[in-house]
N, C-alpha and C. Protein backbone atom coordinates (compact mmCIF):
# COMPACT_ATOMS: atom_id res chain seq x y z
N UNK A 1 4.48 -18.68 -4.60
CA UNK A 1 4.69 -17.77 -5.58
C UNK A 1 5.49 -16.82 -4.36
N UNK A 2 5.14 -16.30 -3.95
CA UNK A 2 5.70 -15.35 -2.89
C UNK A 2 6.81 -15.48 -2.36
N UNK A 3 7.28 -17.54 -2.32
CA UNK A 3 8.59 -17.98 -1.61
C UNK A 3 9.52 -17.30 -2.99
N UNK A 4 8.80 -17.99 -3.62
CA UNK A 4 10.13 -17.57 -5.33
C UNK A 4 10.23 -16.68 -5.46
N UNK A 5 9.82 -15.64 -5.39
CA UNK A 5 9.98 -14.09 -5.58
C UNK A 5 10.69 -13.65 -4.57
N UNK A 6 10.31 -13.97 -3.44
CA UNK A 6 11.62 -13.61 -2.60
C UNK A 6 12.93 -14.16 -2.74
N UNK A 7 12.77 -15.48 -2.84
CA UNK A 7 14.08 -16.19 -3.15
C UNK A 7 15.02 -15.56 -3.95
N UNK A 8 14.19 -14.84 -5.24
CA UNK A 8 14.83 -14.61 -6.12
C UNK A 8 15.60 -13.16 -6.10
N UNK A 9 14.56 -12.34 -5.07
CA UNK A 9 15.20 -11.19 -4.54
C UNK A 9 16.43 -11.24 -3.67
N UNK A 10 16.40 -12.17 -2.75
CA UNK A 10 17.99 -12.57 -1.95
C UNK A 10 18.45 -13.28 -3.11
N UNK A 11 18.70 -13.81 -4.03
CA UNK A 11 19.59 -14.12 -4.72
C UNK A 11 20.29 -13.21 -5.23
N UNK A 12 19.45 -12.27 -5.97
CA UNK A 12 20.03 -11.05 -6.90
C UNK A 12 20.60 -10.12 -6.19
N UNK A 13 20.11 -10.44 -4.87
CA UNK A 13 20.88 -9.64 -3.69
C UNK A 13 22.22 -9.53 -3.71
N UNK A 14 21.90 -11.04 -3.31
CA UNK A 14 23.61 -11.85 -2.79
C UNK A 14 24.73 -11.33 -4.09
N UNK A 15 24.13 -12.11 -5.68
CA UNK A 15 25.06 -11.89 -6.27
C UNK A 15 25.85 -9.94 -6.82
N UNK A 16 24.55 -9.56 -6.25
CA UNK A 16 25.01 -7.89 -6.38
C UNK A 16 26.09 -7.51 -5.74
N UNK A 17 25.94 -8.04 -4.11
CA UNK A 17 26.96 -7.42 -3.05
C UNK A 17 27.91 -8.29 -3.68
N UNK A 18 28.43 -9.85 -3.89
CA UNK A 18 29.35 -9.88 -4.04
C UNK A 18 30.15 -10.08 -4.96
N UNK A 19 29.51 -9.26 -6.16
CA UNK A 19 29.91 -8.79 -7.73
C UNK A 19 30.64 -7.69 -7.34
N UNK A 20 30.24 -6.63 -6.50
CA UNK A 20 30.49 -5.46 -6.10
C UNK A 20 31.80 -5.90 -4.96
N UNK A 21 31.63 -6.49 -4.23
CA UNK A 21 32.92 -7.11 -3.38
C UNK A 21 34.25 -6.46 -4.18
N UNK A 22 34.36 -7.12 -5.48
CA UNK A 22 35.79 -7.05 -5.95
C UNK A 22 35.90 -5.73 -6.80
N UNK A 23 35.48 -4.81 -6.41
CA UNK A 23 35.29 -3.31 -7.01
C UNK A 23 36.66 -2.37 -6.22
N UNK A 24 37.63 -3.01 -5.94
CA UNK A 24 38.68 -2.13 -5.50
C UNK A 24 39.51 -1.33 -6.10
N UNK A 25 39.75 -1.55 -7.59
CA UNK A 25 39.85 -0.58 -8.15
C UNK A 25 39.30 0.41 -8.59
N UNK A 26 38.24 0.62 -8.23
CA UNK A 26 37.13 1.81 -8.66
C UNK A 26 37.21 2.87 -7.72
N UNK A 27 36.48 4.19 -7.99
CA UNK A 27 36.89 5.16 -7.01
C UNK A 27 35.76 5.14 -5.82
N UNK A 28 35.91 5.68 -5.03
CA UNK A 28 35.35 5.99 -3.96
C UNK A 28 33.84 5.73 -4.26
N UNK A 29 33.42 7.21 -5.94
CA UNK A 29 32.52 7.87 -6.43
C UNK A 29 31.54 6.32 -6.54
N UNK A 30 32.10 5.54 -7.76
CA UNK A 30 31.89 4.37 -8.32
C UNK A 30 31.44 3.54 -7.39
N UNK A 31 32.10 3.41 -6.60
CA UNK A 31 31.81 1.70 -5.63
C UNK A 31 30.46 2.71 -5.09
N UNK A 32 30.28 4.18 -4.54
CA UNK A 32 29.33 4.50 -3.84
C UNK A 32 27.78 4.39 -5.10
N UNK A 33 28.16 4.58 -6.41
CA UNK A 33 27.20 4.39 -7.44
C UNK A 33 26.85 3.31 -7.44
N UNK A 34 27.59 2.15 -7.55
CA UNK A 34 27.67 1.23 -7.78
C UNK A 34 26.88 0.29 -6.61
N UNK A 35 26.93 0.49 -5.01
CA UNK A 35 26.44 0.24 -4.17
C UNK A 35 24.60 0.77 -3.97
N UNK A 36 24.64 2.17 -4.54
CA UNK A 36 23.91 2.22 -4.03
C UNK A 36 22.97 2.25 -5.47
N UNK A 37 23.07 1.55 -6.25
CA UNK A 37 22.65 0.92 -7.36
C UNK A 37 22.14 -0.60 -7.29
N UNK A 38 22.49 -0.92 -6.08
CA UNK A 38 21.96 -2.73 -5.68
C UNK A 38 21.64 -2.26 -4.62
N UNK A 39 21.59 -1.50 -4.07
CA UNK A 39 20.86 -1.15 -3.15
C UNK A 39 19.52 -1.11 -3.25
N UNK A 40 19.13 0.38 -3.95
CA UNK A 40 17.89 0.58 -4.78
C UNK A 40 17.01 -0.31 -5.72
N UNK A 41 18.01 -1.35 -6.33
CA UNK A 41 17.14 -2.59 -6.89
C UNK A 41 16.46 -3.38 -6.27
N UNK A 42 17.58 -3.97 -5.07
CA UNK A 42 16.85 -4.38 -4.18
C UNK A 42 15.21 -3.67 -3.75
N UNK A 43 15.54 -2.55 -3.27
CA UNK A 43 14.48 -2.14 -2.98
C UNK A 43 13.28 -1.84 -3.48
N UNK A 44 13.85 -1.74 -4.58
CA UNK A 44 12.19 -1.19 -5.59
C UNK A 44 12.00 -2.99 -5.86
N UNK A 45 12.42 -3.98 -6.14
CA UNK A 45 12.25 -5.09 -6.10
C UNK A 45 11.11 -5.60 -4.99
N UNK A 46 11.81 -5.33 -3.60
CA UNK A 46 10.52 -5.77 -2.62
C UNK A 46 9.65 -4.66 -2.48
N UNK A 47 9.79 -3.22 -2.97
CA UNK A 47 8.19 -2.33 -2.91
C UNK A 47 7.72 -2.45 -3.70
N UNK A 48 7.55 -3.56 -4.99
CA UNK A 48 6.86 -3.36 -5.88
C UNK A 48 6.27 -5.03 -6.29
N UNK A 49 6.78 -5.81 -5.17
CA UNK A 49 6.32 -7.82 -5.82
C UNK A 49 7.33 -8.27 -6.96
N UNK A 50 8.16 -7.43 -6.74
CA UNK A 50 9.50 -8.58 -7.80
C UNK A 50 9.22 -7.76 -9.07
N UNK A 51 8.55 -6.55 -9.33
CA UNK A 51 8.11 -6.67 -10.72
C UNK A 51 9.79 -5.59 -11.60
N UNK A 52 9.86 -5.83 -12.86
CA UNK A 52 10.98 -5.91 -13.34
C UNK A 52 11.14 -4.07 -13.69
N UNK A 53 9.48 -3.48 -13.18
CA UNK A 53 9.95 -1.96 -13.64
C UNK A 53 10.24 -1.12 -12.11
N UNK A 54 9.63 -1.87 -11.15
CA UNK A 54 10.62 -1.77 -9.89
C UNK A 54 11.58 -1.68 -9.45
N UNK A 55 12.03 -3.06 -10.48
CA UNK A 55 13.55 -3.18 -9.90
C UNK A 55 14.44 -1.99 -11.05
N UNK A 56 13.85 -2.01 -11.75
CA UNK A 56 14.86 -0.74 -12.96
C UNK A 56 15.03 0.43 -12.24
N UNK A 57 13.83 0.79 -11.41
CA UNK A 57 13.43 2.15 -11.08
C UNK A 57 14.60 2.76 -9.82
N UNK A 58 14.02 1.80 -8.85
CA UNK A 58 15.07 1.66 -8.09
C UNK A 58 16.40 1.72 -8.16
N UNK A 59 16.67 0.94 -9.02
CA UNK A 59 18.16 0.70 -9.34
C UNK A 59 18.61 2.30 -9.63
N UNK A 60 17.85 2.98 -10.26
CA UNK A 60 18.16 4.08 -11.06
C UNK A 60 18.55 5.14 -10.32
N UNK A 61 17.52 5.11 -9.40
CA UNK A 61 17.17 6.24 -8.26
C UNK A 61 18.31 5.95 -6.98
N UNK A 62 18.62 4.67 -7.04
CA UNK A 62 19.51 4.33 -5.96
C UNK A 62 21.10 4.65 -6.53
N UNK A 63 21.36 4.39 -7.57
CA UNK A 63 22.63 4.79 -8.31
C UNK A 63 22.84 5.91 -8.07
N UNK A 64 21.97 6.83 -8.69
CA UNK A 64 22.12 8.40 -8.88
C UNK A 64 22.31 9.38 -6.90
N UNK A 65 21.60 8.33 -5.86
CA UNK A 65 21.70 8.97 -4.89
C UNK A 65 23.29 8.34 -4.29
N UNK A 66 23.35 7.39 -4.68
CA UNK A 66 24.96 6.90 -4.40
C UNK A 66 25.94 7.75 -5.12
N UNK A 67 25.78 8.14 -6.13
CA UNK A 67 26.17 8.70 -7.09
C UNK A 67 27.18 10.16 -6.31
N UNK A 68 26.03 10.89 -5.84
CA UNK A 68 25.53 12.32 -5.08
C UNK A 68 26.89 12.30 -3.89
N UNK A 69 25.72 10.70 -3.01
CA UNK A 69 26.87 10.74 -1.86
C UNK A 69 28.59 10.87 -2.06
N UNK A 70 28.72 9.83 -3.16
CA UNK A 70 30.31 9.83 -3.83
C UNK A 70 31.03 11.08 -3.68
N UNK A 71 30.35 12.46 -4.16
CA UNK A 71 30.86 13.33 -4.58
C UNK A 71 31.78 13.70 -3.38
N UNK A 72 31.08 13.63 -2.41
CA UNK A 72 32.49 14.21 -1.10
C UNK A 72 33.25 13.29 -0.61
N UNK A 73 33.02 12.08 -1.16
CA UNK A 73 34.36 11.12 -0.63
C UNK A 73 35.22 11.26 -0.81
């Protein structure tokens, strides 16, 4: 079961990264927010063993951090 969870996390990470590659029309702040949410979702999923709560929580925290970093760009 761990192999399936790892594959699922990797697949989601790849989809998010490829999905945000087409964000050239977004502001730098929006790009940082989306990137932070993607990284946070992957981190939350990995840290909690793939739970939905961990993934959503990680995405929220990552999005907030990315938004704050993007303010100065």
